Amino acid sequence: MIFPDQAVRIVIATKPVDFRKGHDGLAAMAHAELGFAPKAGAMVVFRSKRGDRLSFHIPTA
């Protein structure tokens, strides 16, 4: 379980992504396509193309 220290905005990306991109690729996608700047204080939830997995990413750098 993830328990943030403060109030965190959670954004769910509706477009499925390829998890082979890794954490750096997902961070770049959060920045480029969703417009989240580093240290934005939001958690982004991605889903796999098959729809059977989720990945949580907090853009930090």
PDB file of N, CA and C in Angstrom:
ATOM      1  N   MET A   1       0.826  -1.178   0.000  1.00  0.00           N
ATOM      2  CA  MET A   1       0.000   0.000   0.000  1.00  0.00           C
ATOM      3  C   MET A   1       0.868   1.239   0.000  1.00  0.00           C
ATOM      4  N   ILE A   2       0.364   2.262  -0.656  1.00  0.00           N
ATOM      5  CA  ILE A   2       1.053   3.539  -0.719  1.00  0.00           C
ATOM      6  C   ILE A   2       0.292   4.533   0.142  1.00  0.00           C
ATOM      7  N   PHE A   3       0.979   5.127   1.108  1.00  0.00           N
ATOM      8  CA  PHE A   3       0.382   6.141   1.961  1.00  0.00           C
ATOM      9  C   PHE A   3       1.161   7.435   1.797  1.00  0.00           C
ATOM     10  N   PRO A   4       0.661   8.373   0.987  1.00  0.00           N
ATOM     11  CA  PRO A   4       1.381   9.635   0.813  1.00  0.00           C
ATOM     12  C   PRO A   4       1.344  10.472   2.084  1.00  0.00           C
ATOM     13  N   ASP A   5       2.374  11.282   2.247  1.00  0.00           N
ATOM     14  CA  ASP A   5       2.482  12.139   3.426  1.00  0.00           C
ATOM     15  C   ASP A   5       1.464  13.269   3.417  1.00  0.00           C
ATOM     16  N   GLN A   6       1.068  13.718   2.252  1.00  0.00           N
ATOM     17  CA  GLN A   6       0.164  14.851   2.136  1.00  0.00           C
ATOM     18  C   GLN A   6      -0.887  14.545   1.073  1.00  0.00           C
ATOM     19  N   ALA A   7      -1.768  15.477   0.848  1.00  0.00           N
ATOM     20  CA  ALA A   7      -2.791  15.291  -0.182  1.00  0.00           C
ATOM     21  C   ALA A   7      -2.125  15.208  -1.549  1.00  0.00           C
ATOM     22  N   VAL A   8      -2.452  14.178  -2.299  1.00  0.00           N
ATOM     23  CA  VAL A   8      -1.853  13.949  -3.606  1.00  0.00           C
ATOM     24  C   VAL A   8      -2.965  13.836  -4.642  1.00  0.00           C
ATOM     25  N   ARG A   9      -2.800  14.523  -5.753  1.00  0.00           N
ATOM     26  CA  ARG A   9      -3.753  14.409  -6.847  1.00  0.00           C
ATOM     27  C   ARG A   9      -3.419  13.144  -7.632  1.00  0.00           C
ATOM     28  N   ILE A  10      -4.432  12.316  -7.892  1.00  0.00           N
ATOM     29  CA  ILE A  10      -4.245  11.070  -8.635  1.00  0.00           C
ATOM     30  C   ILE A  10      -4.903  11.220  -9.995  1.00  0.00           C
ATOM     31  N   VAL A  11      -4.121  10.979 -11.051  1.00  0.00           N
ATOM     32  CA  VAL A  11      -4.602  11.096 -12.419  1.00  0.00           C
ATOM     33  C   VAL A  11      -4.543   9.713 -13.047  1.00  0.00           C
ATOM     34  N   ILE A  12      -5.637   9.300 -13.698  1.00  0.00           N
ATOM     35  CA  ILE A  12      -5.678   8.003 -14.357  1.00  0.00           C
ATOM     36  C   ILE A  12      -5.606   8.231 -15.856  1.00  0.00           C
ATOM     37  N   ALA A  13      -4.545   7.712 -16.477  1.00  0.00           N
ATOM     38  CA  ALA A  13      -4.383   7.824 -17.925  1.00  0.00           C
ATOM     39  C   ALA A  13      -5.304   6.802 -18.582  1.00  0.00           C
ATOM     40  N   THR A  14      -6.138   7.251 -19.484  1.00  0.00           N
ATOM     41  CA  THR A  14      -7.122   6.366 -20.091  1.00  0.00           C
ATOM     42  C   THR A  14      -6.556   5.584 -21.272  1.00  0.00           C
ATOM     43  N   LYS A  15      -5.486   6.067 -21.876  1.00  0.00           N
ATOM     44  CA  LYS A  15      -4.876   5.388 -23.011  1.00  0.00           C
ATOM     45  C   LYS A  15      -3.930   4.295 -22.502  1.00  0.00           C
ATOM     46  N   PRO A  16      -4.085   3.052 -22.968  1.00  0.00           N
ATOM     47  CA  PRO A  16      -3.178   1.989 -22.524  1.00  0.00           C
ATOM     48  C   PRO A  16      -1.756   2.243 -23.008  1.00  0.00           C
ATOM     49  N   VAL A  17      -0.776   1.808 -22.218  1.00  0.00           N
ATOM     50  CA  VAL A  17       0.633   2.014 -22.560  1.00  0.00           C
ATOM     51  C   VAL A  17       1.373   0.683 -22.573  1.00  0.00           C
ATOM     52  N   ASP A  18       2.517   0.699 -23.215  1.00  0.00           N
ATOM     53  CA  ASP A  18       3.398  -0.461 -23.269  1.00  0.00           C
ATOM     54  C   ASP A  18       4.326  -0.400 -22.055  1.00  0.00           C
ATOM     55  N   PHE A  19       4.193  -1.354 -21.144  1.00  0.00           N
ATOM     56  CA  PHE A  19       4.981  -1.326 -19.915  1.00  0.00           C
ATOM     57  C   PHE A  19       6.453  -1.628 -20.146  1.00  0.00           C
ATOM     58  N   ARG A  20       6.830  -2.036 -21.349  1.00  0.00           N
ATOM     59  CA  ARG A  20       8.247  -2.262 -21.633  1.00  0.00           C
ATOM     60  C   ARG A  20       9.024  -0.955 -21.642  1.00  0.00           C
ATOM     61  N   LYS A  21       8.323   0.175 -21.633  1.00  0.00           N
ATOM     62  CA  LYS A  21       8.992   1.480 -21.584  1.00  0.00           C
ATOM     63  C   LYS A  21       9.732   1.683 -20.272  1.00  0.00           C
ATOM     64  N   GLY A  22       9.306   1.014 -19.222  1.00  0.00           N
ATOM     65  CA  GLY A  22       9.947   1.172 -17.918  1.00  0.00           C
ATOM     66  C   GLY A  22       9.529   2.459 -17.236  1.00  0.00           C
ATOM     67  N   HIS A  23      10.096   2.689 -16.068  1.00  0.00           N
ATOM     68  CA  HIS A  23       9.720   3.857 -15.278  1.00  0.00           C
ATOM     69  C   HIS A  23      10.148   5.161 -15.947  1.00  0.00           C
ATOM     70  N   ASP A  24      11.319   5.163 -16.575  1.00  0.00           N
ATOM     71  CA  ASP A  24      11.776   6.389 -17.239  1.00  0.00           C
ATOM     72  C   ASP A  24      10.893   6.737 -18.425  1.00  0.00           C
ATOM     73  N   GLY A  25      10.474   5.735 -19.174  1.00  0.00           N
ATOM     74  CA  GLY A  25       9.589   5.973 -20.310  1.00  0.00           C
ATOM     75  C   GLY A  25       8.226   6.469 -19.880  1.00  0.00           C
ATOM     76  N   LEU A  26       7.710   5.912 -18.784  1.00  0.00           N
ATOM     77  CA  LEU A  26       6.420   6.374 -18.267  1.00  0.00           C
ATOM     78  C   LEU A  26       6.528   7.795 -17.725  1.00  0.00           C
ATOM     79  N   ALA A  27       7.664   8.105 -17.103  1.00  0.00           N
ATOM     80  CA  ALA A  27       7.873   9.471 -16.619  1.00  0.00           C
ATOM     81  C   ALA A  27       7.922  10.455 -17.778  1.00  0.00           C
ATOM     82  N   ALA A  28       8.595  10.068 -18.855  1.00  0.00           N
ATOM     83  CA  ALA A  28       8.660  10.933 -20.031  1.00  0.00           C
ATOM     84  C   ALA A  28       7.272  11.111 -20.646  1.00  0.00           C
ATOM     85  N   MET A  29       6.481  10.049 -20.647  1.00  0.00           N
ATOM     86  CA  MET A  29       5.125  10.138 -21.190  1.00  0.00           C
ATOM     87  C   MET A  29       4.256  11.043 -20.319  1.00  0.00           C
ATOM     88  N   ALA A  30       4.386  10.931 -19.014  1.00  0.00           N
ATOM     89  CA  ALA A  30       3.616  11.791 -18.113  1.00  0.00           C
ATOM     90  C   ALA A  30       3.962  13.255 -18.352  1.00  0.00           C
ATOM     91  N   HIS A  31       5.223  13.512 -18.652  1.00  0.00           N
ATOM     92  CA  HIS A  31       5.649  14.886 -18.893  1.00  0.00           C
ATOM     93  C   HIS A  31       5.227  15.369 -20.284  1.00  0.00           C
ATOM     94  N   ALA A  32       5.484  14.561 -21.311  1.00  0.00           N
ATOM     95  CA  ALA A  32       5.241  15.001 -22.692  1.00  0.00           C
ATOM     96  C   ALA A  32       3.763  14.997 -23.066  1.00  0.00           C
ATOM     97  N   GLU A  33       3.064  13.916 -22.776  1.00  0.00           N
ATOM     98  CA  GLU A  33       1.685  13.790 -23.259  1.00  0.00           C
ATOM     99  C   GLU A  33       0.647  14.314 -22.284  1.00  0.00           C
ATOM    100  N   LEU A  34       0.927  14.195 -20.991  1.00  0.00           N
ATOM    101  CA  LEU A  34      -0.060  14.633 -20.005  1.00  0.00           C
ATOM    102  C   LEU A  34       0.247  16.015 -19.441  1.00  0.00           C
ATOM    103  N   GLY A  35       1.455  16.516 -19.693  1.00  0.00           N
ATOM    104  CA  GLY A  35       1.812  17.866 -19.282  1.00  0.00           C
ATOM    105  C   GLY A  35       2.181  18.023 -17.822  1.00  0.00           C
ATOM    106  N   PHE A  36       2.544  16.926 -17.154  1.00  0.00           N
ATOM    107  CA  PHE A  36       2.936  17.030 -15.756  1.00  0.00           C
ATOM    108  C   PHE A  36       4.409  17.348 -15.654  1.00  0.00           C
ATOM    109  N   ALA A  37       4.707  18.486 -15.050  1.00  0.00           N
ATOM    110  CA  ALA A  37       6.084  18.884 -14.842  1.00  0.00           C
ATOM    111  C   ALA A  37       6.681  18.067 -13.703  1.00  0.00           C
ATOM    112  N   PRO A  38       8.002  17.910 -13.710  1.00  0.00           N
ATOM    113  CA  PRO A  38       8.639  17.248 -12.572  1.00  0.00           C
ATOM    114  C   PRO A  38       8.274  17.960 -11.269  1.00  0.00           C
ATOM    115  N   LYS A  39       8.143  17.208 -10.239  1.00  0.00           N
ATOM    116  CA  LYS A  39       7.774  17.716  -8.906  1.00  0.00           C
ATOM    117  C   LYS A  39       6.378  18.315  -8.898  1.00  0.00           C
ATOM    118  N   ALA A  40       5.486  17.835  -9.775  1.00  0.00           N
ATOM    119  CA  ALA A  40       4.133  18.380  -9.870  1.00  0.00           C
ATOM    120  C   ALA A  40       3.265  17.966  -8.685  1.00  0.00           C
ATOM    121  N   GLY A  41       3.651  16.916  -7.995  1.00  0.00           N
ATOM    122  CA  GLY A  41       2.877  16.473  -6.839  1.00  0.00           C
ATOM    123  C   GLY A  41       1.658  15.650  -7.192  1.00  0.00           C
ATOM    124  N   ALA A  42       1.672  15.018  -8.353  1.00  0.00           N
ATOM    125  CA  ALA A  42       0.549  14.183  -8.780  1.00  0.00           C
ATOM    126  C   ALA A  42       1.025  12.760  -8.997  1.00  0.00           C
ATOM    127  N   MET A  43       0.139  11.809  -8.764  1.00  0.00           N
ATOM    128  CA  MET A  43       0.435  10.408  -9.038  1.00  0.00           C
ATOM    129  C   MET A  43      -0.320  10.030 -10.311  1.00  0.00           C
ATOM    130  N   VAL A  44       0.389   9.431 -11.253  1.00  0.00           N
ATOM    131  CA  VAL A  44      -0.223   9.043 -12.520  1.00  0.00           C
ATOM    132  C   VAL A  44      -0.358   7.525 -12.535  1.00  0.00           C
ATOM    133  N   VAL A  45      -1.550   7.050 -12.886  1.00  0.00           N
ATOM    134  CA  VAL A  45      -1.825   5.618 -12.967  1.00  0.00           C
ATOM    135  C   VAL A  45      -1.950   5.253 -14.439  1.00  0.00           C
ATOM    136  N   PHE A  46      -1.124   4.301 -14.869  1.00  0.00           N
ATOM    137  CA  PHE A  46      -1.162   3.804 -16.236  1.00  0.00           C
ATOM    138  C   PHE A  46      -1.718   2.386 -16.229  1.00  0.00           C
ATOM    139  N   ARG A  47      -2.362   1.984 -17.348  1.00  0.00           N
ATOM    140  CA  ARG A  47      -2.817   0.600 -17.470  1.00  0.00           C
ATOM    141  C   ARG A  47      -2.148  -0.029 -18.678  1.00  0.00           C
ATOM    142  N   SER A  48      -1.978  -1.338 -18.605  1.00  0.00           N
ATOM    143  CA  SER A  48      -1.305  -2.050 -19.688  1.00  0.00           C
ATOM    144  C   SER A  48      -2.224  -2.171 -20.891  1.00  0.00           C
ATOM    145  N   LYS A  49      -1.641  -2.546 -22.031  1.00  0.00           N
ATOM    146  CA  LYS A  49      -2.434  -2.705 -23.249  1.00  0.00           C
ATOM    147  C   LYS A  49      -3.463  -3.812 -23.100  1.00  0.00           C
ATOM    148  N   ARG A  50      -3.116  -4.880 -22.378  1.00  0.00           N
ATOM    149  CA  ARG A  50      -4.068  -5.974 -22.180  1.00  0.00           C
ATOM    150  C   ARG A  50      -5.119  -5.624 -21.137  1.00  0.00           C
ATOM    151  N   GLY A  51      -4.866  -4.599 -20.337  1.00  0.00           N
ATOM    152  CA  GLY A  51      -5.835  -4.174 -19.333  1.00  0.00           C
ATOM    153  C   GLY A  51      -5.816  -4.988 -18.060  1.00  0.00           C
ATOM    154  N   ASP A  52      -4.759  -5.785 -17.866  1.00  0.00           N
ATOM    155  CA  ASP A  52      -4.711  -6.630 -16.679  1.00  0.00           C
ATOM    156  C   ASP A  52      -3.682  -6.164 -15.643  1.00  0.00           C
ATOM    157  N   ARG A  53      -3.010  -5.041 -15.906  1.00  0.00           N
ATOM    158  CA  ARG A  53      -2.004  -4.528 -14.965  1.00  0.00           C
ATOM    159  C   ARG A  53      -2.111  -3.018 -14.849  1.00  0.00           C
ATOM    160  N   LEU A  54      -1.696  -2.518 -13.686  1.00  0.00           N
ATOM    161  CA  LEU A  54      -1.621  -1.080 -13.437  1.00  0.00           C
ATOM    162  C   LEU A  54      -0.220  -0.729 -12.999  1.00  0.00           C
ATOM    163  N   SER A  55       0.214   0.470 -13.306  1.00  0.00           N
ATOM    164  CA  SER A  55       1.498   0.975 -12.845  1.00  0.00           C
ATOM    165  C   SER A  55       1.269   2.380 -12.304  1.00  0.00           C
ATOM    166  N   PHE A  56       1.793   2.634 -11.130  1.00  0.00           N
ATOM    167  CA  PHE A  56       1.667   3.945 -10.499  1.00  0.00           C
ATOM    168  C   PHE A  56       2.998   4.666 -10.655  1.00  0.00           C
ATOM    169  N   HIS A  57       2.939   5.904 -11.037  1.00  0.00           N
ATOM    170  CA  HIS A  57       4.158   6.678 -11.210  1.00  0.00           C
ATOM    171  C   HIS A  57       3.970   8.060 -10.605  1.00  0.00           C
ATOM    172  N   ILE A  58       4.943   8.478  -9.834  1.00  0.00           N
ATOM    173  CA  ILE A  58       4.949   9.822  -9.270  1.00  0.00           C
ATOM    174  C   ILE A  58       6.069  10.587  -9.954  1.00  0.00           C
ATOM    175  N   PRO A  59       5.759  11.522 -10.861  1.00  0.00           N
ATOM    176  CA  PRO A  59       6.814  12.263 -11.554  1.00  0.00           C
ATOM    177  C   PRO A  59       7.658  13.054 -10.568  1.00  0.00           C
ATOM    178  N   THR A  60       8.964  12.797 -10.575  1.00  0.00           N
ATOM    179  CA  THR A  60       9.854  13.495  -9.639  1.00  0.00           C
ATOM    180  C   THR A  60      11.008  14.167 -10.330  1.00  0.00           C
ATOM    181  N   ALA A  61      11.401  13.678 -11.475  1.00  0.00           N
ATOM    182  CA  ALA A  61      12.567  14.301 -12.143  1.00  0.00           C
ATOM    183  C   ALA A  61      12.460  14.160 -13.637  1.00  0.00           C
TER     184      ALA A  61
END
